[in-house]
Amino acid sequence: KVKMGKKQIRAILLYEYKLGRYNFLKPGEAVTAVKYCHEIDKMHKKLKDLCPIPVNLKGPILLHDNARPHVSQITVQKLNELGYETLPHPPY
């Protein structure tokens, strides 16, 4: 049995489904809820075209990496609208 690290699995998924892309902000620019929802929309459209969802899942599962435990209401509404499941952050 081969053990793979998180970075290896992420790299394989990004390569396999061609999801890897970078969006850089201008110096001093912040990520707002509206910008984040726009990025989620773009990612969702690409996922929908490239990766059919398995029958046993209601939709993609998202983990906000390095995010604070609270997420804006706009973002929560967008994720619910698209059928995403969000993994909860563990208590600190």
N, C-alpha and C. Protein backbone atom coordinates (compact mmCIF):
# COMPACT_ATOMS: atom_id res chain seq x y z
N LYS A 1 0.84 -1.18 0.00
CA LYS A 1 0.00 0.00 0.00
C LYS A 1 0.89 1.24 0.00
N VAL A 2 0.64 2.14 -0.92
CA VAL A 2 1.43 3.36 -1.04
C VAL A 2 0.75 4.47 -0.25
N LYS A 3 1.51 5.13 0.61
CA LYS A 3 0.97 6.27 1.36
C LYS A 3 1.34 7.55 0.63
N MET A 4 0.36 8.43 0.52
CA MET A 4 0.59 9.70 -0.17
C MET A 4 0.30 10.84 0.79
N GLY A 5 1.10 11.87 0.71
CA GLY A 5 0.87 13.05 1.53
C GLY A 5 -0.22 13.93 0.93
N LYS A 6 -0.68 14.87 1.73
CA LYS A 6 -1.75 15.77 1.29
C LYS A 6 -1.34 16.57 0.06
N LYS A 7 -0.09 17.02 0.03
CA LYS A 7 0.37 17.81 -1.12
C LYS A 7 0.37 16.98 -2.40
N GLN A 8 0.75 15.71 -2.28
CA GLN A 8 0.77 14.84 -3.46
C GLN A 8 -0.65 14.61 -3.98
N ILE A 9 -1.59 14.36 -3.07
CA ILE A 9 -2.97 14.13 -3.48
C ILE A 9 -3.54 15.39 -4.13
N ARG A 10 -3.29 16.54 -3.52
CA ARG A 10 -3.77 17.80 -4.08
C ARG A 10 -3.19 18.03 -5.47
N ALA A 11 -1.90 17.75 -5.64
CA ALA A 11 -1.26 17.94 -6.94
C ALA A 11 -1.88 17.02 -7.98
N ILE A 12 -2.17 15.78 -7.60
CA ILE A 12 -2.78 14.84 -8.54
C ILE A 12 -4.16 15.33 -8.95
N LEU A 13 -4.97 15.77 -7.99
CA LEU A 13 -6.31 16.26 -8.31
C LEU A 13 -6.24 17.48 -9.21
N LEU A 14 -5.35 18.41 -8.90
CA LEU A 14 -5.22 19.61 -9.72
C LEU A 14 -4.78 19.25 -11.13
N TYR A 15 -3.86 18.28 -11.25
CA TYR A 15 -3.38 17.88 -12.56
C TYR A 15 -4.46 17.11 -13.31
N GLU A 16 -5.06 16.14 -12.65
CA GLU A 16 -6.03 15.26 -13.29
C GLU A 16 -7.24 16.03 -13.81
N TYR A 17 -7.72 16.96 -13.03
CA TYR A 17 -8.93 17.69 -13.40
C TYR A 17 -8.64 19.08 -13.94
N LYS A 18 -7.36 19.40 -14.11
CA LYS A 18 -6.95 20.69 -14.67
C LYS A 18 -7.59 21.86 -13.93
N LEU A 19 -7.62 21.76 -12.60
CA LEU A 19 -8.21 22.81 -11.79
C LEU A 19 -7.18 23.82 -11.31
N GLY A 20 -5.91 23.51 -11.47
CA GLY A 20 -4.88 24.38 -10.96
C GLY A 20 -4.85 25.71 -11.70
N ARG A 21 -5.03 26.76 -10.96
CA ARG A 21 -4.89 28.09 -11.54
C ARG A 21 -4.62 29.05 -10.40
N TYR A 22 -3.99 30.14 -10.74
CA TYR A 22 -3.64 31.12 -9.72
C TYR A 22 -4.34 32.42 -10.03
N ASN A 23 -4.86 33.03 -9.00
CA ASN A 23 -5.43 34.37 -9.12
C ASN A 23 -4.71 35.25 -8.11
N PHE A 24 -3.95 36.17 -8.62
CA PHE A 24 -3.18 37.04 -7.75
C PHE A 24 -3.93 38.34 -7.52
N LEU A 25 -3.82 38.85 -6.31
CA LEU A 25 -4.41 40.13 -5.98
C LEU A 25 -3.39 41.23 -6.20
N LYS A 26 -3.89 42.41 -6.43
CA LYS A 26 -3.00 43.57 -6.53
C LYS A 26 -2.48 43.89 -5.13
N PRO A 27 -1.32 44.54 -5.04
CA PRO A 27 -0.80 44.89 -3.72
C PRO A 27 -1.82 45.71 -2.93
N GLY A 28 -2.06 45.30 -1.70
CA GLY A 28 -3.01 45.99 -0.83
C GLY A 28 -4.47 45.59 -1.03
N GLU A 29 -4.74 44.76 -2.04
CA GLU A 29 -6.11 44.34 -2.31
C GLU A 29 -6.50 43.18 -1.39
N ALA A 30 -7.72 43.20 -0.92
CA ALA A 30 -8.21 42.15 -0.01
C ALA A 30 -9.23 41.28 -0.71
N VAL A 31 -9.38 40.07 -0.21
CA VAL A 31 -10.41 39.16 -0.73
C VAL A 31 -11.70 39.48 0.02
N THR A 32 -12.69 39.95 -0.71
CA THR A 32 -13.99 40.22 -0.11
C THR A 32 -14.90 39.03 -0.34
N ALA A 33 -16.03 39.02 0.35
CA ALA A 33 -16.99 37.93 0.18
C ALA A 33 -17.48 37.88 -1.26
N VAL A 34 -17.68 39.04 -1.88
CA VAL A 34 -18.16 39.09 -3.26
C VAL A 34 -17.12 38.50 -4.22
N LYS A 35 -15.85 38.86 -4.04
CA LYS A 35 -14.78 38.30 -4.89
C LYS A 35 -14.67 36.79 -4.68
N TYR A 36 -14.77 36.36 -3.43
CA TYR A 36 -14.65 34.94 -3.12
C TYR A 36 -15.80 34.16 -3.76
N CYS A 37 -17.02 34.71 -3.69
CA CYS A 37 -18.17 34.05 -4.32
C CYS A 37 -18.00 33.97 -5.83
N HIS A 38 -17.41 35.00 -6.42
CA HIS A 38 -17.14 34.98 -7.87
C HIS A 38 -16.16 33.85 -8.21
N GLU A 39 -15.12 33.68 -7.40
CA GLU A 39 -14.16 32.59 -7.61
C GLU A 39 -14.83 31.22 -7.42
N ILE A 40 -15.71 31.12 -6.44
CA ILE A 40 -16.43 29.86 -6.22
C ILE A 40 -17.28 29.54 -7.44
N ASP A 41 -17.95 30.55 -8.00
CA ASP A 41 -18.76 30.34 -9.21
C ASP A 41 -17.91 29.81 -10.36
N LYS A 42 -16.73 30.43 -10.58
CA LYS A 42 -15.85 30.00 -11.67
C LYS A 42 -15.37 28.56 -11.44
N MET A 43 -15.00 28.25 -10.19
CA MET A 43 -14.55 26.90 -9.87
C MET A 43 -15.68 25.90 -10.07
N HIS A 44 -16.89 26.27 -9.65
CA HIS A 44 -18.04 25.37 -9.77
C HIS A 44 -18.34 25.04 -11.23
N LYS A 45 -18.28 26.04 -12.09
CA LYS A 45 -18.54 25.81 -13.52
C LYS A 45 -17.51 24.85 -14.11
N LYS A 46 -16.25 25.04 -13.72
CA LYS A 46 -15.19 24.17 -14.24
C LYS A 46 -15.35 22.75 -13.70
N LEU A 47 -15.66 22.62 -12.41
CA LEU A 47 -15.88 21.30 -11.82
C LEU A 47 -17.05 20.58 -12.47
N LYS A 48 -18.11 21.32 -12.73
CA LYS A 48 -19.31 20.73 -13.33
C LYS A 48 -19.00 20.15 -14.70
N ASP A 49 -18.15 20.83 -15.46
CA ASP A 49 -17.78 20.36 -16.79
C ASP A 49 -16.80 19.18 -16.74
N LEU A 50 -15.86 19.21 -15.79
CA LEU A 50 -14.78 18.24 -15.78
C LEU A 50 -15.00 17.02 -14.89
N CYS A 51 -15.72 17.18 -13.79
CA CYS A 51 -15.81 16.12 -12.79
C CYS A 51 -17.26 15.84 -12.41
N PRO A 52 -17.88 14.85 -13.01
CA PRO A 52 -19.23 14.51 -12.55
C PRO A 52 -19.20 14.07 -11.09
N ILE A 53 -20.21 14.45 -10.35
CA ILE A 53 -20.28 14.13 -8.93
C ILE A 53 -20.74 12.69 -8.74
N PRO A 54 -20.04 11.92 -7.90
CA PRO A 54 -20.48 10.55 -7.63
C PRO A 54 -21.91 10.53 -7.07
N VAL A 55 -22.61 9.45 -7.31
CA VAL A 55 -24.01 9.33 -6.93
C VAL A 55 -24.22 9.47 -5.43
N ASN A 56 -23.26 9.01 -4.62
CA ASN A 56 -23.46 9.01 -3.17
C ASN A 56 -23.15 10.36 -2.51
N LEU A 57 -22.77 11.35 -3.26
CA LEU A 57 -22.50 12.67 -2.70
C LEU A 57 -23.54 13.66 -3.20
N LYS A 58 -23.89 14.61 -2.34
CA LYS A 58 -24.84 15.62 -2.78
C LYS A 58 -24.14 16.73 -3.56
N GLY A 59 -22.86 16.86 -3.39
CA GLY A 59 -22.10 17.88 -4.10
C GLY A 59 -20.67 17.88 -3.61
N PRO A 60 -19.86 18.81 -4.11
CA PRO A 60 -18.47 18.90 -3.68
C PRO A 60 -18.36 19.21 -2.19
N ILE A 61 -17.25 18.81 -1.60
CA ILE A 61 -16.97 19.10 -0.19
C ILE A 61 -15.83 20.10 -0.16
N LEU A 62 -16.01 21.18 0.59
CA LEU A 62 -15.05 22.27 0.60
C LEU A 62 -14.48 22.45 2.00
N LEU A 63 -13.18 22.63 2.09
CA LEU A 63 -12.53 22.98 3.34
C LEU A 63 -11.86 24.32 3.14
N HIS A 64 -12.24 25.30 3.95
CA HIS A 64 -11.61 26.62 3.87
C HIS A 64 -10.26 26.51 4.57
N ASP A 65 -9.20 26.32 3.81
CA ASP A 65 -7.87 26.15 4.35
C ASP A 65 -7.36 27.47 4.92
N ASN A 66 -6.87 27.43 6.15
CA ASN A 66 -6.30 28.60 6.83
C ASN A 66 -7.30 29.74 6.99
N ALA A 67 -8.58 29.44 6.97
CA ALA A 67 -9.58 30.49 7.15
C ALA A 67 -10.01 30.54 8.61
N ARG A 68 -10.52 31.69 9.00
CA ARG A 68 -11.08 31.80 10.34
C ARG A 68 -12.34 30.93 10.40
N PRO A 69 -12.74 30.53 11.59
CA PRO A 69 -13.90 29.65 11.71
C PRO A 69 -15.20 30.26 11.20
N HIS A 70 -15.28 31.57 11.14
CA HIS A 70 -16.51 32.17 10.63
C HIS A 70 -16.33 32.57 9.17
N VAL A 71 -17.38 32.43 8.41
CA VAL A 71 -17.38 32.78 6.99
C VAL A 71 -18.57 33.69 6.77
N SER A 72 -18.44 34.65 5.88
CA SER A 72 -19.52 35.61 5.67
C SER A 72 -20.81 34.93 5.23
N GLN A 73 -21.93 35.56 5.55
CA GLN A 73 -23.24 35.00 5.21
C GLN A 73 -23.41 34.90 3.69
N ILE A 74 -22.84 35.84 2.95
CA ILE A 74 -22.92 35.80 1.48
C ILE A 74 -22.26 34.53 0.96
N THR A 75 -21.10 34.20 1.51
CA THR A 75 -20.37 33.00 1.09
C THR A 75 -21.15 31.74 1.46
N VAL A 76 -21.70 31.69 2.66
CA VAL A 76 -22.49 30.53 3.09
C VAL A 76 -23.69 30.34 2.17
N GLN A 77 -24.37 31.42 1.82
CA GLN A 77 -25.52 31.34 0.92
C GLN A 77 -25.11 30.81 -0.45
N LYS A 78 -23.98 31.28 -0.98
CA LYS A 78 -23.50 30.84 -2.29
C LYS A 78 -23.19 29.35 -2.26
N LEU A 79 -22.50 28.89 -1.23
CA LEU A 79 -22.15 27.47 -1.13
C LEU A 79 -23.40 26.60 -1.00
N ASN A 80 -24.38 27.05 -0.23
CA ASN A 80 -25.65 26.31 -0.11
C ASN A 80 -26.39 26.27 -1.43
N GLU A 81 -26.39 27.39 -2.14
CA GLU A 81 -27.05 27.48 -3.45
C GLU A 81 -26.46 26.47 -4.44
N LEU A 82 -25.14 26.29 -4.39
CA LEU A 82 -24.47 25.38 -5.31
C LEU A 82 -24.44 23.93 -4.81
N GLY A 83 -24.93 23.69 -3.59
CA GLY A 83 -24.98 22.33 -3.07
C GLY A 83 -23.67 21.83 -2.48
N TYR A 84 -22.80 22.74 -2.04
CA TYR A 84 -21.52 22.35 -1.46
C TYR A 84 -21.70 21.99 0.00
N GLU A 85 -20.91 21.02 0.44
CA GLU A 85 -20.82 20.71 1.86
C GLU A 85 -19.51 21.33 2.35
N THR A 86 -19.55 22.02 3.48
CA THR A 86 -18.36 22.66 4.01
C THR A 86 -17.93 21.92 5.27
N LEU A 87 -16.69 21.49 5.30
CA LEU A 87 -16.17 20.81 6.48
C LEU A 87 -15.97 21.83 7.60
N PRO A 88 -16.39 21.50 8.82
CA PRO A 88 -16.21 22.45 9.93
C PRO A 88 -14.75 22.50 10.37
N HIS A 89 -14.37 23.65 10.91
CA HIS A 89 -13.03 23.78 11.47
C HIS A 89 -13.00 23.14 12.85
N PRO A 90 -11.93 22.45 13.19
CA PRO A 90 -11.83 21.89 14.54
C PRO A 90 -11.65 23.02 15.55
N PRO A 91 -12.05 22.82 16.80
CA PRO A 91 -11.83 23.86 17.81
C PRO A 91 -10.33 24.04 18.04
N TYR A 92 -9.94 25.25 18.36
CA TYR A 92 -8.52 25.54 18.57
C TYR A 92 -8.08 25.11 19.94
